[in-house]
Amino acid sequence: MESQTILIVSSNDAQSKFMVDCLADAGYETWVADQGENAILNSQKETPNLIILDWGFLNSNGMQFIRKIRAKEKIAHLPILVMGAEMMEEDVLASLDAGADICLTERLHPKVFVARVRSLLRRRNHRN
């Protein structure tokens, strides 16, 4: 299996470290962007296989950011996972309506987190 790269967009160092550590242990390459526009630009240079967005980073601009990703031809097809224990039901609905593939609102065990990522990537790979 070829190495798969995951872009993490987060300004929360602890959350980023959790995700990077879990994904690295599972054999994924990651890079972290703490500014949304930079993440979009970087994704166009080096295309990841999956984008993970931290809801705490996104807050009110989250829907706009997801729509910008979906509007960029080169990265529009990428799976988007939104994570945030503080997300309310309306936040989840708005994220999914904007183009997110899945929203994780609970604190996850590292193995469950990686399994969810693997599931999204597997679905993407079957479509291509």
N, C-alpha and C. Protein backbone atom coordinates (compact mmCIF):
# COMPACT_ATOMS: atom_id res chain seq x y z
N MET A 1 0.85 -1.19 0.00
CA MET A 1 0.00 0.00 0.00
C MET A 1 0.88 1.23 0.00
N GLU A 2 0.57 2.17 -0.87
CA GLU A 2 1.34 3.40 -0.90
C GLU A 2 1.02 4.26 0.31
N SER A 3 1.98 5.08 0.69
CA SER A 3 1.80 5.95 1.84
C SER A 3 0.70 6.97 1.56
N GLN A 4 -0.15 7.20 2.54
CA GLN A 4 -1.22 8.17 2.38
C GLN A 4 -0.96 9.34 3.31
N THR A 5 -1.24 10.53 2.79
CA THR A 5 -0.97 11.76 3.51
C THR A 5 -2.26 12.40 3.96
N ILE A 6 -2.25 12.91 5.19
CA ILE A 6 -3.43 13.55 5.76
C ILE A 6 -3.07 14.95 6.19
N LEU A 7 -3.87 15.91 5.74
CA LEU A 7 -3.71 17.30 6.13
C LEU A 7 -4.61 17.57 7.33
N ILE A 8 -4.02 18.08 8.40
CA ILE A 8 -4.76 18.44 9.61
C ILE A 8 -4.78 19.96 9.70
N VAL A 9 -5.96 20.54 9.75
CA VAL A 9 -6.10 21.98 9.89
C VAL A 9 -6.59 22.26 11.30
N SER A 10 -5.68 22.78 12.13
CA SER A 10 -6.00 23.00 13.53
C SER A 10 -5.05 24.01 14.13
N SER A 11 -5.56 24.80 15.05
CA SER A 11 -4.70 25.71 15.80
C SER A 11 -4.55 25.25 17.24
N ASN A 12 -5.11 24.08 17.56
CA ASN A 12 -5.04 23.51 18.89
C ASN A 12 -3.86 22.53 18.92
N ASP A 13 -2.78 22.91 19.58
CA ASP A 13 -1.57 22.08 19.59
C ASP A 13 -1.81 20.70 20.19
N ALA A 14 -2.57 20.62 21.26
CA ALA A 14 -2.83 19.33 21.90
C ALA A 14 -3.65 18.43 20.97
N GLN A 15 -4.66 18.97 20.35
CA GLN A 15 -5.50 18.21 19.42
C GLN A 15 -4.67 17.76 18.22
N SER A 16 -3.86 18.66 17.69
CA SER A 16 -3.00 18.32 16.55
C SER A 16 -2.05 17.19 16.90
N LYS A 17 -1.41 17.29 18.08
CA LYS A 17 -0.46 16.26 18.51
C LYS A 17 -1.15 14.91 18.65
N PHE A 18 -2.35 14.89 19.23
CA PHE A 18 -3.11 13.66 19.36
C PHE A 18 -3.32 13.03 17.98
N MET A 19 -3.79 13.83 17.02
CA MET A 19 -4.07 13.31 15.69
C MET A 19 -2.81 12.85 14.98
N VAL A 20 -1.76 13.67 15.03
CA VAL A 20 -0.50 13.31 14.38
C VAL A 20 0.07 12.03 14.96
N ASP A 21 0.08 11.90 16.28
CA ASP A 21 0.62 10.71 16.93
C ASP A 21 -0.18 9.46 16.55
N CYS A 22 -1.50 9.54 16.61
CA CYS A 22 -2.34 8.40 16.26
C CYS A 22 -2.12 7.97 14.81
N LEU A 23 -2.10 8.95 13.93
CA LEU A 23 -1.97 8.65 12.51
C LEU A 23 -0.57 8.17 12.14
N ALA A 24 0.45 8.73 12.78
CA ALA A 24 1.83 8.28 12.53
C ALA A 24 2.00 6.84 12.99
N ASP A 25 1.45 6.50 14.14
CA ASP A 25 1.53 5.12 14.65
C ASP A 25 0.86 4.14 13.69
N ALA A 26 -0.13 4.61 12.95
CA ALA A 26 -0.85 3.77 11.99
C ALA A 26 -0.21 3.80 10.60
N GLY A 27 0.89 4.54 10.45
CA GLY A 27 1.62 4.55 9.18
C GLY A 27 1.24 5.65 8.21
N TYR A 28 0.47 6.63 8.65
CA TYR A 28 0.09 7.73 7.77
C TYR A 28 1.08 8.88 7.92
N GLU A 29 1.29 9.58 6.83
CA GLU A 29 2.07 10.82 6.87
C GLU A 29 1.08 11.95 7.13
N THR A 30 1.50 12.95 7.89
CA THR A 30 0.62 14.08 8.19
C THR A 30 1.36 15.39 8.02
N TRP A 31 0.60 16.43 7.79
CA TRP A 31 1.13 17.77 7.97
C TRP A 31 0.02 18.62 8.55
N VAL A 32 0.43 19.59 9.37
CA VAL A 32 -0.52 20.42 10.10
C VAL A 32 -0.44 21.84 9.56
N ALA A 33 -1.59 22.41 9.29
CA ALA A 33 -1.69 23.82 8.90
C ALA A 33 -2.55 24.51 9.94
N ASP A 34 -2.11 25.66 10.41
CA ASP A 34 -2.89 26.36 11.42
C ASP A 34 -3.62 27.56 10.85
N GLN A 35 -3.58 27.71 9.55
CA GLN A 35 -4.34 28.77 8.90
C GLN A 35 -5.06 28.19 7.70
N GLY A 36 -6.34 28.42 7.63
CA GLY A 36 -7.17 27.82 6.60
C GLY A 36 -6.74 28.08 5.18
N GLU A 37 -6.48 29.33 4.85
CA GLU A 37 -6.09 29.65 3.48
C GLU A 37 -4.79 28.95 3.10
N ASN A 38 -3.84 28.90 4.04
CA ASN A 38 -2.59 28.18 3.77
C ASN A 38 -2.86 26.71 3.53
N ALA A 39 -3.80 26.15 4.25
CA ALA A 39 -4.12 24.74 4.06
C ALA A 39 -4.65 24.50 2.66
N ILE A 40 -5.52 25.37 2.18
CA ILE A 40 -6.06 25.22 0.82
C ILE A 40 -4.94 25.35 -0.20
N LEU A 41 -4.09 26.34 -0.05
CA LEU A 41 -3.00 26.53 -0.99
C LEU A 41 -2.04 25.36 -0.97
N ASN A 42 -1.68 24.87 0.22
CA ASN A 42 -0.79 23.71 0.32
C ASN A 42 -1.41 22.47 -0.30
N SER A 43 -2.71 22.32 -0.15
CA SER A 43 -3.39 21.16 -0.71
C SER A 43 -3.35 21.17 -2.22
N GLN A 44 -3.24 22.32 -2.81
CA GLN A 44 -3.17 22.39 -4.25
C GLN A 44 -1.77 22.08 -4.75
N LYS A 45 -0.75 22.31 -3.92
CA LYS A 45 0.63 21.99 -4.30
C LYS A 45 0.91 20.51 -4.09
N GLU A 46 0.63 20.02 -2.92
CA GLU A 46 0.83 18.62 -2.56
C GLU A 46 -0.51 18.09 -2.07
N THR A 47 -1.17 17.32 -2.88
CA THR A 47 -2.53 16.89 -2.57
C THR A 47 -2.54 15.78 -1.53
N PRO A 48 -3.22 16.01 -0.40
CA PRO A 48 -3.35 14.95 0.60
C PRO A 48 -4.41 13.95 0.17
N ASN A 49 -4.54 12.88 0.92
CA ASN A 49 -5.59 11.90 0.65
C ASN A 49 -6.84 12.17 1.48
N LEU A 50 -6.69 12.99 2.52
CA LEU A 50 -7.79 13.29 3.44
C LEU A 50 -7.48 14.60 4.14
N ILE A 51 -8.53 15.36 4.44
CA ILE A 51 -8.38 16.61 5.20
C ILE A 51 -9.18 16.45 6.50
N ILE A 52 -8.51 16.74 7.62
CA ILE A 52 -9.17 16.74 8.92
C ILE A 52 -9.22 18.18 9.41
N LEU A 53 -10.41 18.64 9.73
CA LEU A 53 -10.60 20.01 10.20
C LEU A 53 -11.01 20.01 11.66
N ASP A 54 -10.33 20.79 12.46
CA ASP A 54 -10.66 20.94 13.88
C ASP A 54 -11.75 22.00 14.00
N TRP A 55 -12.91 21.61 14.54
CA TRP A 55 -14.04 22.53 14.66
C TRP A 55 -13.68 23.77 15.46
N GLY A 56 -12.89 23.62 16.50
CA GLY A 56 -12.48 24.77 17.30
C GLY A 56 -11.76 25.82 16.48
N PHE A 57 -11.05 25.38 15.48
CA PHE A 57 -10.37 26.29 14.56
C PHE A 57 -11.36 26.91 13.58
N LEU A 58 -12.30 26.11 13.13
CA LEU A 58 -13.22 26.56 12.09
C LEU A 58 -14.27 27.53 12.59
N ASN A 59 -14.90 27.23 13.71
CA ASN A 59 -16.03 27.96 14.27
C ASN A 59 -16.91 28.62 13.20
N SER A 60 -17.08 29.91 13.25
CA SER A 60 -18.04 30.56 12.35
C SER A 60 -17.61 30.55 10.88
N ASN A 61 -16.34 30.41 10.59
CA ASN A 61 -15.87 30.39 9.21
C ASN A 61 -15.80 28.98 8.62
N GLY A 62 -16.18 28.00 9.41
CA GLY A 62 -16.04 26.62 8.99
C GLY A 62 -16.76 26.26 7.71
N MET A 63 -17.99 26.70 7.58
CA MET A 63 -18.76 26.34 6.40
C MET A 63 -18.13 26.96 5.15
N GLN A 64 -17.66 28.20 5.29
CA GLN A 64 -17.00 28.88 4.17
C GLN A 64 -15.74 28.12 3.76
N PHE A 65 -14.98 27.68 4.75
CA PHE A 65 -13.74 26.97 4.49
C PHE A 65 -14.02 25.64 3.77
N ILE A 66 -15.01 24.90 4.24
CA ILE A 66 -15.37 23.63 3.59
C ILE A 66 -15.82 23.88 2.16
N ARG A 67 -16.62 24.91 1.95
CA ARG A 67 -17.09 25.23 0.59
C ARG A 67 -15.93 25.63 -0.32
N LYS A 68 -14.93 26.33 0.21
CA LYS A 68 -13.75 26.69 -0.59
C LYS A 68 -13.01 25.44 -1.04
N ILE A 69 -12.88 24.47 -0.16
CA ILE A 69 -12.23 23.22 -0.53
C ILE A 69 -13.02 22.54 -1.65
N ARG A 70 -14.33 22.47 -1.47
CA ARG A 70 -15.18 21.81 -2.47
C ARG A 70 -15.18 22.55 -3.81
N ALA A 71 -14.84 23.84 -3.81
CA ALA A 71 -14.83 24.62 -5.05
C ALA A 71 -13.51 24.51 -5.81
N LYS A 72 -12.47 23.99 -5.18
CA LYS A 72 -11.16 23.85 -5.84
C LYS A 72 -11.11 22.52 -6.56
N GLU A 73 -11.03 22.55 -7.87
CA GLU A 73 -11.14 21.34 -8.69
C GLU A 73 -10.16 20.24 -8.26
N LYS A 74 -8.93 20.61 -7.97
CA LYS A 74 -7.90 19.60 -7.66
C LYS A 74 -8.16 18.88 -6.34
N ILE A 75 -8.84 19.52 -5.40
CA ILE A 75 -9.03 18.92 -4.07
C ILE A 75 -10.50 18.72 -3.71
N ALA A 76 -11.41 19.05 -4.60
CA ALA A 76 -12.85 18.97 -4.30
C ALA A 76 -13.30 17.56 -3.93
N HIS A 77 -12.62 16.56 -4.44
CA HIS A 77 -13.01 15.16 -4.22
C HIS A 77 -12.51 14.58 -2.90
N LEU A 78 -11.65 15.30 -2.21
CA LEU A 78 -11.03 14.76 -1.01
C LEU A 78 -12.04 14.57 0.12
N PRO A 79 -11.92 13.48 0.86
CA PRO A 79 -12.77 13.32 2.03
C PRO A 79 -12.42 14.37 3.08
N ILE A 80 -13.44 14.90 3.73
CA ILE A 80 -13.24 15.90 4.80
C ILE A 80 -13.88 15.36 6.07
N LEU A 81 -13.06 15.28 7.11
CA LEU A 81 -13.52 14.86 8.43
C LEU A 81 -13.43 16.07 9.35
N VAL A 82 -14.53 16.40 10.01
CA VAL A 82 -14.55 17.51 10.96
C VAL A 82 -14.61 16.93 12.36
N MET A 83 -13.70 17.38 13.23
CA MET A 83 -13.65 16.89 14.61
C MET A 83 -13.90 18.02 15.58
N GLY A 84 -14.70 17.75 16.60
CA GLY A 84 -14.92 18.75 17.63
C GLY A 84 -15.87 18.28 18.70
N ALA A 85 -15.36 18.04 19.88
CA ALA A 85 -16.19 17.57 20.99
C ALA A 85 -17.24 18.61 21.38
N GLU A 86 -16.99 19.87 21.04
CA GLU A 86 -17.91 20.94 21.41
C GLU A 86 -18.95 21.25 20.33
N MET A 87 -18.98 20.47 19.27
CA MET A 87 -19.94 20.71 18.19
C MET A 87 -21.36 20.40 18.67
N MET A 88 -22.27 21.28 18.32
CA MET A 88 -23.68 21.08 18.59
C MET A 88 -24.32 20.42 17.37
N GLU A 89 -25.52 19.92 17.52
CA GLU A 89 -26.21 19.25 16.42
C GLU A 89 -26.30 20.14 15.18
N GLU A 90 -26.60 21.42 15.39
CA GLU A 90 -26.71 22.33 14.24
C GLU A 90 -25.37 22.55 13.55
N ASP A 91 -24.26 22.47 14.31
CA ASP A 91 -22.92 22.58 13.72
C ASP A 91 -22.62 21.37 12.84
N VAL A 92 -23.00 20.20 13.32
CA VAL A 92 -22.81 18.98 12.54
C VAL A 92 -23.61 19.06 11.24
N LEU A 93 -24.88 19.44 11.35
CA LEU A 93 -25.73 19.55 10.17
C LEU A 93 -25.18 20.57 9.17
N ALA A 94 -24.75 21.71 9.66
CA ALA A 94 -24.20 22.75 8.78
C ALA A 94 -22.91 22.27 8.10
N SER A 95 -22.06 21.56 8.85
CA SER A 95 -20.81 21.04 8.28
C SER A 95 -21.09 20.03 7.18
N LEU A 96 -22.02 19.11 7.45
CA LEU A 96 -22.36 18.11 6.44
C LEU A 96 -22.99 18.75 5.22
N ASP A 97 -23.86 19.73 5.43
CA ASP A 97 -24.48 20.44 4.31
C ASP A 97 -23.45 21.20 3.48
N ALA A 98 -22.40 21.69 4.12
CA ALA A 98 -21.36 22.45 3.42
C ALA A 98 -20.42 21.54 2.63
N GLY A 99 -20.42 20.23 2.95
CA GLY A 99 -19.59 19.32 2.17
C GLY A 99 -18.70 18.39 2.97
N ALA A 100 -18.75 18.44 4.30
CA ALA A 100 -17.97 17.50 5.10
C ALA A 100 -18.53 16.10 4.89
N ASP A 101 -17.66 15.10 4.97
CA ASP A 101 -18.09 13.72 4.81
C ASP A 101 -18.52 13.09 6.12
N ILE A 102 -17.87 13.50 7.21
CA ILE A 102 -18.20 12.95 8.52
C ILE A 102 -17.80 13.96 9.58
N CYS A 103 -18.56 13.99 10.67
CA CYS A 103 -18.24 14.83 11.83
C CYS A 103 -18.13 13.94 13.05
N LEU A 104 -17.06 14.09 13.78
CA LEU A 104 -16.84 13.32 15.00
C LEU A 104 -16.96 14.28 16.17
N THR A 105 -17.96 14.05 17.01
CA THR A 105 -18.24 14.98 18.11
C THR A 105 -17.82 14.45 19.46
N GLU A 106 -17.43 13.20 19.53
CA GLU A 106 -17.08 12.62 20.81
C GLU A 106 -15.56 12.50 20.94
N ARG A 107 -15.11 12.41 22.17
CA ARG A 107 -13.70 12.12 22.40
C ARG A 107 -13.47 10.69 21.94
N LEU A 108 -12.45 10.48 21.17
CA LEU A 108 -12.24 9.16 20.59
C LEU A 108 -11.01 8.47 21.17
N HIS A 109 -11.13 7.19 21.29
CA HIS A 109 -9.98 6.36 21.59
C HIS A 109 -9.10 6.39 20.33
N PRO A 110 -7.79 6.43 20.47
CA PRO A 110 -6.91 6.51 19.29
C PRO A 110 -7.20 5.46 18.22
N LYS A 111 -7.46 4.22 18.61
CA LYS A 111 -7.72 3.17 17.62
C LYS A 111 -9.03 3.42 16.88
N VAL A 112 -10.03 3.96 17.57
CA VAL A 112 -11.31 4.27 16.92
C VAL A 112 -11.12 5.43 15.95
N PHE A 113 -10.35 6.43 16.35
CA PHE A 113 -10.06 7.56 15.47
C PHE A 113 -9.40 7.07 14.18
N VAL A 114 -8.37 6.24 14.32
CA VAL A 114 -7.65 5.73 13.14
C VAL A 114 -8.59 4.87 12.29
N ALA A 115 -9.43 4.08 12.91
CA ALA A 115 -10.38 3.25 12.15
C ALA A 115 -11.34 4.11 11.34
N ARG A 116 -11.78 5.21 11.90
CA ARG A 116 -12.68 6.12 11.16
C ARG A 116 -11.94 6.74 9.96
N VAL A 117 -10.70 7.14 10.17
CA VAL A 117 -9.88 7.69 9.08
C VAL A 117 -9.70 6.63 7.99
N ARG A 118 -9.33 5.43 8.39
CA ARG A 118 -9.12 4.34 7.45
C ARG A 118 -10.38 4.07 6.64
N SER A 119 -11.53 4.13 7.29
CA SER A 119 -12.80 3.90 6.61
C SER A 119 -13.06 4.95 5.54
N LEU A 120 -12.82 6.20 5.86
CA LEU A 120 -13.00 7.28 4.87
C LEU A 120 -12.06 7.10 3.69
N LEU A 121 -10.81 6.77 3.96
CA LEU A 121 -9.83 6.58 2.89
C LEU A 121 -10.19 5.37 2.03
N ARG A 122 -10.67 4.33 2.64
CA ARG A 122 -11.05 3.12 1.90
C ARG A 122 -12.19 3.44 0.93
N ARG A 123 -13.17 4.19 1.41
CA ARG A 123 -14.29 4.58 0.53
C ARG A 123 -13.80 5.43 -0.63
N ARG A 124 -12.89 6.35 -0.36
CA ARG A 124 -12.35 7.21 -1.41
C ARG A 124 -11.60 6.38 -2.43
N ASN A 125 -10.80 5.44 -1.96
CA ASN A 125 -10.01 4.61 -2.87
C ASN A 125 -10.88 3.72 -3.74
N HIS A 126 -12.03 3.29 -3.26
CA HIS A 126 -12.93 2.46 -4.05
C HIS A 126 -13.60 3.28 -5.16
N ARG A 127 -13.76 4.56 -4.93
CA ARG A 127 -14.39 5.44 -5.93
C ARG A 127 -13.44 5.74 -7.08
N ASN A 128 -12.13 5.75 -6.82
CA ASN A 128 -11.15 6.12 -7.85
C ASN A 128 -10.76 4.95 -8.71
